[in-house]
Amino acid sequence: MMKVIPDWKEIGSVMKFVLTTFFIGFTLSLVVVACADEYYFGKTREELAREMFIVDSLIMDIKYQMDSTSIDFDRFYIDSQLDTHGYK
């Protein structure tokens, strides 16, 4: 009976080729799936648009409230330094 001795150099080069091909294929398929519009993780576009509208509305509300209740801090500071109340 004849013994078969494996050639480890050939097996190593084949394994490198297989792993490199697998890695490149996996990376390419991941890029394709990530860039496709029909595959997504998380919320739909409508849900995101709804939440963006709510957040934009809140930000505008805060801006309007800050504009209507703004205080001129420079004048407030100067007025507080003056003796307007008769106290010494």
PDB file of N, CA and C in Angstrom:
ATOM      1  N   MET A   1       0.830  -1.171   0.000  1.00  0.00           N
ATOM      2  CA  MET A   1       0.000   0.000   0.000  1.00  0.00           C
ATOM      3  C   MET A   1       0.889   1.254   0.000  1.00  0.00           C
ATOM      4  N   MET A   2       0.453   2.225  -0.811  1.00  0.00           N
ATOM      5  CA  MET A   2       1.256   3.417  -0.991  1.00  0.00           C
ATOM      6  C   MET A   2       0.716   4.544  -0.110  1.00  0.00           C
ATOM      7  N   LYS A   3       1.618   5.243   0.553  1.00  0.00           N
ATOM      8  CA  LYS A   3       1.222   6.366   1.409  1.00  0.00           C
ATOM      9  C   LYS A   3       1.187   7.655   0.592  1.00  0.00           C
ATOM     10  N   VAL A   4       0.117   8.435   0.798  1.00  0.00           N
ATOM     11  CA  VAL A   4       0.017   9.718   0.120  1.00  0.00           C
ATOM     12  C   VAL A   4       0.472  10.796   1.095  1.00  0.00           C
ATOM     13  N   ILE A   5       1.472  11.533   0.712  1.00  0.00           N
ATOM     14  CA  ILE A   5       1.993  12.593   1.567  1.00  0.00           C
ATOM     15  C   ILE A   5       1.496  13.923   1.015  1.00  0.00           C
ATOM     16  N   PRO A   6       0.790  14.702   1.846  1.00  0.00           N
ATOM     17  CA  PRO A   6       0.266  15.980   1.340  1.00  0.00           C
ATOM     18  C   PRO A   6       1.391  16.989   1.126  1.00  0.00           C
ATOM     19  N   ASP A   7       1.224  17.793   0.112  1.00  0.00           N
ATOM     20  CA  ASP A   7       2.181  18.858  -0.178  1.00  0.00           C
ATOM     21  C   ASP A   7       1.660  20.118   0.518  1.00  0.00           C
ATOM     22  N   TRP A   8       2.251  20.458   1.649  1.00  0.00           N
ATOM     23  CA  TRP A   8       1.734  21.553   2.472  1.00  0.00           C
ATOM     24  C   TRP A   8       1.884  22.915   1.811  1.00  0.00           C
ATOM     25  N   LYS A   9       2.889  23.090   0.975  1.00  0.00           N
ATOM     26  CA  LYS A   9       3.045  24.358   0.265  1.00  0.00           C
ATOM     27  C   LYS A   9       1.878  24.577  -0.699  1.00  0.00           C
ATOM     28  N   GLU A  10       1.500  23.534  -1.403  1.00  0.00           N
ATOM     29  CA  GLU A  10       0.375  23.637  -2.343  1.00  0.00           C
ATOM     30  C   GLU A  10      -0.936  23.853  -1.598  1.00  0.00           C
ATOM     31  N   ILE A  11      -1.113  23.161  -0.486  1.00  0.00           N
ATOM     32  CA  ILE A  11      -2.333  23.333   0.316  1.00  0.00           C
ATOM     33  C   ILE A  11      -2.393  24.749   0.877  1.00  0.00           C
ATOM     34  N   GLY A  12      -1.255  25.265   1.326  1.00  0.00           N
ATOM     35  CA  GLY A  12      -1.210  26.637   1.855  1.00  0.00           C
ATOM     36  C   GLY A  12      -1.565  27.661   0.797  1.00  0.00           C
ATOM     37  N   SER A  13      -1.047  27.504  -0.411  1.00  0.00           N
ATOM     38  CA  SER A  13      -1.367  28.473  -1.470  1.00  0.00           C
ATOM     39  C   SER A  13      -2.833  28.368  -1.876  1.00  0.00           C
ATOM     40  N   VAL A  14      -3.382  27.161  -1.904  1.00  0.00           N
ATOM     41  CA  VAL A  14      -4.803  26.991  -2.227  1.00  0.00           C
ATOM     42  C   VAL A  14      -5.662  27.623  -1.146  1.00  0.00           C
ATOM     43  N   MET A  15      -5.292  27.435   0.121  1.00  0.00           N
ATOM     44  CA  MET A  15      -6.071  28.021   1.225  1.00  0.00           C
ATOM     45  C   MET A  15      -6.009  29.550   1.179  1.00  0.00           C
ATOM     46  N   LYS A  16      -4.842  30.113   0.863  1.00  0.00           N
ATOM     47  CA  LYS A  16      -4.732  31.570   0.729  1.00  0.00           C
ATOM     48  C   LYS A  16      -5.633  32.075  -0.382  1.00  0.00           C
ATOM     49  N   PHE A  17      -5.648  31.374  -1.511  1.00  0.00           N
ATOM     50  CA  PHE A  17      -6.498  31.766  -2.629  1.00  0.00           C
ATOM     51  C   PHE A  17      -7.975  31.690  -2.250  1.00  0.00           C
ATOM     52  N   VAL A  18      -8.378  30.615  -1.589  1.00  0.00           N
ATOM     53  CA  VAL A  18      -9.781  30.437  -1.198  1.00  0.00           C
ATOM     54  C   VAL A  18     -10.193  31.514  -0.199  1.00  0.00           C
ATOM     55  N   LEU A  19      -9.389  31.786   0.810  1.00  0.00           N
ATOM     56  CA  LEU A  19      -9.727  32.791   1.811  1.00  0.00           C
ATOM     57  C   LEU A  19      -9.741  34.195   1.214  1.00  0.00           C
ATOM     58  N   THR A  20      -8.798  34.502   0.339  1.00  0.00           N
ATOM     59  CA  THR A  20      -8.773  35.814  -0.312  1.00  0.00           C
ATOM     60  C   THR A  20     -10.008  35.999  -1.188  1.00  0.00           C
ATOM     61  N   THR A  21     -10.354  34.974  -1.956  1.00  0.00           N
ATOM     62  CA  THR A  21     -11.550  35.042  -2.804  1.00  0.00           C
ATOM     63  C   THR A  21     -12.805  35.198  -1.961  1.00  0.00           C
ATOM     64  N   PHE A  22     -12.898  34.459  -0.871  1.00  0.00           N
ATOM     65  CA  PHE A  22     -14.054  34.563   0.017  1.00  0.00           C
ATOM     66  C   PHE A  22     -14.148  35.965   0.613  1.00  0.00           C
ATOM     67  N   PHE A  23     -13.047  36.515   1.081  1.00  0.00           N
ATOM     68  CA  PHE A  23     -13.047  37.849   1.689  1.00  0.00           C
ATOM     69  C   PHE A  23     -13.463  38.918   0.682  1.00  0.00           C
ATOM     70  N   ILE A  24     -12.912  38.859  -0.526  1.00  0.00           N
ATOM     71  CA  ILE A  24     -13.266  39.839  -1.557  1.00  0.00           C
ATOM     72  C   ILE A  24     -14.730  39.702  -1.938  1.00  0.00           C
ATOM     73  N   GLY A  25     -15.204  38.478  -2.097  1.00  0.00           N
ATOM     74  CA  GLY A  25     -16.618  38.262  -2.432  1.00  0.00           C
ATOM     75  C   GLY A  25     -17.541  38.738  -1.327  1.00  0.00           C
ATOM     76  N   PHE A  26     -17.189  38.462  -0.086  1.00  0.00           N
ATOM     77  CA  PHE A  26     -18.008  38.909   1.041  1.00  0.00           C
ATOM     78  C   PHE A  26     -18.038  40.432   1.124  1.00  0.00           C
ATOM     79  N   THR A  27     -16.894  41.072   0.934  1.00  0.00           N
ATOM     80  CA  THR A  27     -16.825  42.540   0.972  1.00  0.00           C
ATOM     81  C   THR A  27     -17.657  43.156  -0.147  1.00  0.00           C
ATOM     82  N   LEU A  28     -17.541  42.619  -1.344  1.00  0.00           N
ATOM     83  CA  LEU A  28     -18.325  43.147  -2.463  1.00  0.00           C
ATOM     84  C   LEU A  28     -19.832  42.962  -2.249  1.00  0.00           C
ATOM     85  N   SER A  29     -20.218  41.806  -1.748  1.00  0.00           N
ATOM     86  CA  SER A  29     -21.652  41.585  -1.505  1.00  0.00           C
ATOM     87  C   SER A  29     -22.162  42.495  -0.386  1.00  0.00           C
ATOM     88  N   LEU A  30     -21.355  42.758   0.607  1.00  0.00           N
ATOM     89  CA  LEU A  30     -21.748  43.678   1.677  1.00  0.00           C
ATOM     90  C   LEU A  30     -21.911  45.096   1.148  1.00  0.00           C
ATOM     91  N   VAL A  31     -21.014  45.526   0.269  1.00  0.00           N
ATOM     92  CA  VAL A  31     -21.110  46.855  -0.329  1.00  0.00           C
ATOM     93  C   VAL A  31     -22.364  46.969  -1.190  1.00  0.00           C
ATOM     94  N   VAL A  32     -22.656  45.946  -1.967  1.00  0.00           N
ATOM     95  CA  VAL A  32     -23.845  45.966  -2.827  1.00  0.00           C
ATOM     96  C   VAL A  32     -25.112  46.035  -1.991  1.00  0.00           C
ATOM     97  N   VAL A  33     -25.192  45.249  -0.942  1.00  0.00           N
ATOM     98  CA  VAL A  33     -26.383  45.251  -0.089  1.00  0.00           C
ATOM     99  C   VAL A  33     -26.513  46.575   0.655  1.00  0.00           C
ATOM    100  N   ALA A  34     -25.403  47.146   1.097  1.00  0.00           N
ATOM    101  CA  ALA A  34     -25.455  48.413   1.829  1.00  0.00           C
ATOM    102  C   ALA A  34     -25.873  49.569   0.930  1.00  0.00           C
ATOM    103  N   CYS A  35     -25.516  49.522  -0.336  1.00  0.00           N
ATOM    104  CA  CYS A  35     -25.830  50.621  -1.250  1.00  0.00           C
ATOM    105  C   CYS A  35     -27.187  50.469  -1.924  1.00  0.00           C
ATOM    106  N   ALA A  36     -27.800  49.314  -1.824  1.00  0.00           N
ATOM    107  CA  ALA A  36     -29.091  49.104  -2.473  1.00  0.00           C
ATOM    108  C   ALA A  36     -30.201  49.752  -1.657  1.00  0.00           C
ATOM    109  N   ASP A  37     -31.138  50.374  -2.343  1.00  0.00           N
ATOM    110  CA  ASP A  37     -32.244  51.042  -1.659  1.00  0.00           C
ATOM    111  C   ASP A  37     -33.313  50.070  -1.179  1.00  0.00           C
ATOM    112  N   GLU A  38     -33.424  48.931  -1.821  1.00  0.00           N
ATOM    113  CA  GLU A  38     -34.489  48.017  -1.423  1.00  0.00           C
ATOM    114  C   GLU A  38     -34.151  47.188  -0.189  1.00  0.00           C
ATOM    115  N   TYR A  39     -32.881  47.187   0.209  1.00  0.00           N
ATOM    116  CA  TYR A  39     -32.484  46.509   1.440  1.00  0.00           C
ATOM    117  C   TYR A  39     -32.047  47.562   2.439  1.00  0.00           C
ATOM    118  N   TYR A  40     -32.620  47.567   3.615  1.00  0.00           N
ATOM    119  CA  TYR A  40     -32.253  48.555   4.614  1.00  0.00           C
ATOM    120  C   TYR A  40     -32.413  47.950   5.997  1.00  0.00           C
ATOM    121  N   PHE A  41     -31.747  48.545   6.937  1.00  0.00           N
ATOM    122  CA  PHE A  41     -31.844  48.144   8.329  1.00  0.00           C
ATOM    123  C   PHE A  41     -32.440  49.314   9.091  1.00  0.00           C
ATOM    124  N   GLY A  42     -33.415  49.069   9.915  1.00  0.00           N
ATOM    125  CA  GLY A  42     -33.988  50.142  10.722  1.00  0.00           C
ATOM    126  C   GLY A  42     -35.310  50.615  10.181  1.00  0.00           C
ATOM    127  N   LYS A  43     -35.485  51.924  10.151  1.00  0.00           N
ATOM    128  CA  LYS A  43     -36.769  52.522   9.817  1.00  0.00           C
ATOM    129  C   LYS A  43     -36.909  52.765   8.323  1.00  0.00           C
ATOM    130  N   THR A  44     -38.150  52.868   7.877  1.00  0.00           N
ATOM    131  CA  THR A  44     -38.411  53.171   6.476  1.00  0.00           C
ATOM    132  C   THR A  44     -38.175  54.652   6.226  1.00  0.00           C
ATOM    133  N   ARG A  45     -38.154  55.023   4.966  1.00  0.00           N
ATOM    134  CA  ARG A  45     -37.936  56.430   4.618  1.00  0.00           C
ATOM    135  C   ARG A  45     -39.068  57.309   5.125  1.00  0.00           C
ATOM    136  N   GLU A  46     -40.285  56.795   5.106  1.00  0.00           N
ATOM    137  CA  GLU A  46     -41.418  57.581   5.585  1.00  0.00           C
ATOM    138  C   GLU A  46     -41.305  57.853   7.082  1.00  0.00           C
ATOM    139  N   GLU A  47     -40.891  56.839   7.850  1.00  0.00           N
ATOM    140  CA  GLU A  47     -40.726  57.034   9.292  1.00  0.00           C
ATOM    141  C   GLU A  47     -39.607  58.039   9.584  1.00  0.00           C
ATOM    142  N   LEU A  48     -38.515  57.945   8.833  1.00  0.00           N
ATOM    143  CA  LEU A  48     -37.423  58.902   9.021  1.00  0.00           C
ATOM    144  C   LEU A  48     -37.853  60.314   8.648  1.00  0.00           C
ATOM    145  N   ALA A  49     -38.603  60.447   7.554  1.00  0.00           N
ATOM    146  CA  ALA A  49     -39.070  61.778   7.140  1.00  0.00           C
ATOM    147  C   ALA A  49     -40.007  62.364   8.188  1.00  0.00           C
ATOM    148  N   ARG A  50     -40.869  61.534   8.764  1.00  0.00           N
ATOM    149  CA  ARG A  50     -41.790  61.994   9.804  1.00  0.00           C
ATOM    150  C   ARG A  50     -41.019  62.476  11.031  1.00  0.00           C
ATOM    151  N   GLU A  51     -40.026  61.714  11.457  1.00  0.00           N
ATOM    152  CA  GLU A  51     -39.237  62.108  12.620  1.00  0.00           C
ATOM    153  C   GLU A  51     -38.405  63.363  12.331  1.00  0.00           C
ATOM    154  N   MET A  52     -37.879  63.481  11.112  1.00  0.00           N
ATOM    155  CA  MET A  52     -37.116  64.679  10.755  1.00  0.00           C
ATOM    156  C   MET A  52     -38.019  65.906  10.769  1.00  0.00           C
ATOM    157  N   PHE A  53     -39.264  65.762  10.330  1.00  0.00           N
ATOM    158  CA  PHE A  53     -40.203  66.872  10.353  1.00  0.00           C
ATOM    159  C   PHE A  53     -40.488  67.306  11.791  1.00  0.00           C
ATOM    160  N   ILE A  54     -40.672  66.342  12.675  1.00  0.00           N
ATOM    161  CA  ILE A  54     -40.946  66.648  14.085  1.00  0.00           C
ATOM    162  C   ILE A  54     -39.748  67.369  14.707  1.00  0.00           C
ATOM    163  N   VAL A  55     -38.541  66.873  14.439  1.00  0.00           N
ATOM    164  CA  VAL A  55     -37.340  67.488  15.005  1.00  0.00           C
ATOM    165  C   VAL A  55     -37.147  68.897  14.447  1.00  0.00           C
ATOM    166  N   ASP A  56     -37.346  69.061  13.136  1.00  0.00           N
ATOM    167  CA  ASP A  56     -37.226  70.396  12.543  1.00  0.00           C
ATOM    168  C   ASP A  56     -38.248  71.361  13.132  1.00  0.00           C
ATOM    169  N   SER A  57     -39.473  70.883  13.367  1.00  0.00           N
ATOM    170  CA  SER A  57     -40.502  71.731  13.962  1.00  0.00           C
ATOM    171  C   SER A  57     -40.115  72.154  15.373  1.00  0.00           C
ATOM    172  N   LEU A  58     -39.562  71.228  16.143  1.00  0.00           N
ATOM    173  CA  LEU A  58     -39.131  71.563  17.508  1.00  0.00           C
ATOM    174  C   LEU A  58     -37.986  72.564  17.494  1.00  0.00           C
ATOM    175  N   ILE A  59     -37.047  72.392  16.577  1.00  0.00           N
ATOM    176  CA  ILE A  59     -35.926  73.328  16.494  1.00  0.00           C
ATOM    177  C   ILE A  59     -36.422  74.715  16.132  1.00  0.00           C
ATOM    178  N   MET A  60     -37.336  74.813  15.164  1.00  0.00           N
ATOM    179  CA  MET A  60     -37.882  76.118  14.784  1.00  0.00           C
ATOM    180  C   MET A  60     -38.657  76.732  15.946  1.00  0.00           C
ATOM    181  N   ASP A  61     -39.398  75.911  16.688  1.00  0.00           N
ATOM    182  CA  ASP A  61     -40.138  76.386  17.860  1.00  0.00           C
ATOM    183  C   ASP A  61     -39.177  76.975  18.888  1.00  0.00           C
ATOM    184  N   ILE A  62     -38.083  76.292  19.138  1.00  0.00           N
ATOM    185  CA  ILE A  62     -37.101  76.778  20.102  1.00  0.00           C
ATOM    186  C   ILE A  62     -36.482  78.089  19.619  1.00  0.00           C
ATOM    187  N   LYS A  63     -36.175  78.185  18.321  1.00  0.00           N
ATOM    188  CA  LYS A  63     -35.605  79.427  17.779  1.00  0.00           C
ATOM    189  C   LYS A  63     -36.571  80.591  17.952  1.00  0.00           C
ATOM    190  N   TYR A  64     -37.860  80.359  17.648  1.00  0.00           N
ATOM    191  CA  TYR A  64     -38.843  81.434  17.802  1.00  0.00           C
ATOM    192  C   TYR A  64     -38.990  81.853  19.253  1.00  0.00           C
ATOM    193  N   GLN A  65     -38.981  80.896  20.175  1.00  0.00           N
ATOM    194  CA  GLN A  65     -39.099  81.234  21.592  1.00  0.00           C
ATOM    195  C   GLN A  65     -37.871  81.996  22.074  1.00  0.00           C
ATOM    196  N   MET A  66     -36.698  81.616  21.594  1.00  0.00           N
ATOM    197  CA  MET A  66     -35.488  82.335  22.001  1.00  0.00           C
ATOM    198  C   MET A  66     -35.482  83.746  21.437  1.00  0.00           C
ATOM    199  N   ASP A  67     -35.979  83.930  20.214  1.00  0.00           N
ATOM    200  CA  ASP A  67     -36.032  85.267  19.629  1.00  0.00           C
ATOM    201  C   ASP A  67     -37.011  86.159  20.371  1.00  0.00           C
ATOM    202  N   SER A  68     -38.129  85.607  20.803  1.00  0.00           N
ATOM    203  CA  SER A  68     -39.145  86.434  21.446  1.00  0.00           C
ATOM    204  C   SER A  68     -38.814  86.747  22.897  1.00  0.00           C
ATOM    205  N   THR A  69     -37.951  85.966  23.513  1.00  0.00           N
ATOM    206  CA  THR A  69     -37.615  86.197  24.927  1.00  0.00           C
ATOM    207  C   THR A  69     -36.151  86.565  25.109  1.00  0.00           C
ATOM    208  N   SER A  70     -35.536  87.097  24.065  1.00  0.00           N
ATOM    209  CA  SER A  70     -34.113  87.395  24.172  1.00  0.00           C
ATOM    210  C   SER A  70     -33.886  88.580  25.103  1.00  0.00           C
ATOM    211  N   ILE A  71     -32.782  88.526  25.784  1.00  0.00           N
ATOM    212  CA  ILE A  71     -32.399  89.570  26.726  1.00  0.00           C
ATOM    213  C   ILE A  71     -31.085  90.155  26.235  1.00  0.00           C
ATOM    214  N   ASP A  72     -31.001  91.461  26.254  1.00  0.00           N
ATOM    215  CA  ASP A  72     -29.747  92.110  25.902  1.00  0.00           C
ATOM    216  C   ASP A  72     -28.857  92.069  27.139  1.00  0.00           C
ATOM    217  N   PHE A  73     -27.990  91.060  27.196  1.00  0.00           N
ATOM    218  CA  PHE A  73     -27.206  90.834  28.399  1.00  0.00           C
ATOM    219  C   PHE A  73     -26.200  91.955  28.650  1.00  0.00           C
ATOM    220  N   ASP A  74     -25.696  92.601  27.609  1.00  0.00           N
ATOM    221  CA  ASP A  74     -24.761  93.709  27.820  1.00  0.00           C
ATOM    222  C   ASP A  74     -25.474  94.858  28.534  1.00  0.00           C
ATOM    223  N   ARG A  75     -26.648  95.199  28.104  1.00  0.00           N
ATOM    224  CA  ARG A  75     -27.409  96.282  28.736  1.00  0.00           C
ATOM    225  C   ARG A  75     -27.841  95.883  30.150  1.00  0.00           C
ATOM    226  N   PHE A  76     -28.240  94.613  30.297  1.00  0.00           N
ATOM    227  CA  PHE A  76     -28.639  94.124  31.614  1.00  0.00           C
ATOM    228  C   PHE A  76     -27.479  94.219  32.593  1.00  0.00           C
ATOM    229  N   TYR A  77     -26.277  93.886  32.145  1.00  0.00           N
ATOM    230  CA  TYR A  77     -25.102  93.952  33.001  1.00  0.00           C
ATOM    231  C   TYR A  77     -24.795  95.401  33.386  1.00  0.00           C
ATOM    232  N   ILE A  78     -24.862  96.290  32.413  1.00  0.00           N
ATOM    233  CA  ILE A  78     -24.587  97.705  32.700  1.00  0.00           C
ATOM    234  C   ILE A  78     -25.638  98.261  33.652  1.00  0.00           C
ATOM    235  N   ASP A  79     -26.911  97.961  33.421  1.00  0.00           N
ATOM    236  CA  ASP A  79     -27.972  98.450  34.286  1.00  0.00           C
ATOM    237  C   ASP A  79     -27.818  97.926  35.711  1.00  0.00           C
ATOM    238  N   SER A  80     -27.347  96.703  35.839  1.00  0.00           N
ATOM    239  CA  SER A  80     -27.206  96.159  37.183  1.00  0.00           C
ATOM    240  C   SER A  80     -26.045  96.788  37.926  1.00  0.00           C
ATOM    241  N   GLN A  81     -25.101  97.368  37.222  1.00  0.00           N
ATOM    242  CA  GLN A  81     -23.964  98.011  37.861  1.00  0.00           C
ATOM    243  C   GLN A  81     -24.277  99.438  38.295  1.00  0.00           C
ATOM    244  N   LEU A  82     -25.282 100.030  37.683  1.00  0.00           N
ATOM    245  CA  LEU A  82     -25.638 101.398  38.043  1.00  0.00           C
ATOM    246  C   LEU A  82     -26.449 101.422  39.331  1.00  0.00           C
ATOM    247  N   ASP A  83     -26.405 102.537  40.019  1.00  0.00           N
ATOM    248  CA  ASP A  83     -27.157 102.688  41.245  1.00  0.00           C
ATOM    249  C   ASP A  83     -28.527 103.279  40.885  1.00  0.00           C
ATOM    250  N   THR A  84     -29.407 102.425  40.356  1.00  0.00           N
ATOM    251  CA  THR A  84     -30.737 102.919  39.905  1.00  0.00           C
ATOM    252  C   THR A  84     -31.773 102.794  41.009  1.00  0.00           C
ATOM    253  N   HIS A  85     -31.502 102.012  42.033  1.00  0.00           N
ATOM    254  CA  HIS A  85     -32.503 101.759  43.056  1.00  0.00           C
ATOM    255  C   HIS A  85     -32.306 102.616  44.314  1.00  0.00           C
ATOM    256  N   GLY A  86     -31.315 103.441  44.324  1.00  0.00           N
ATOM    257  CA  GLY A  86     -31.080 104.278  45.484  1.00  0.00           C
ATOM    258  C   GLY A  86     -30.271 103.600  46.559  1.00  0.00           C
ATOM    259  N   TYR A  87     -29.769 102.396  46.295  1.00  0.00           N
ATOM    260  CA  TYR A  87     -28.954 101.692  47.283  1.00  0.00           C
ATOM    261  C   TYR A  87     -27.485 102.052  47.081  1.00  0.00           C
ATOM    262  N   LYS A  88     -26.764 102.186  48.187  1.00  0.00           N
ATOM    263  CA  LYS A  88     -25.341 102.483  48.078  1.00  0.00           C
ATOM    264  C   LYS A  88     -24.507 101.398  48.643  1.00  0.00           C
TER     265      LYS A  88
END
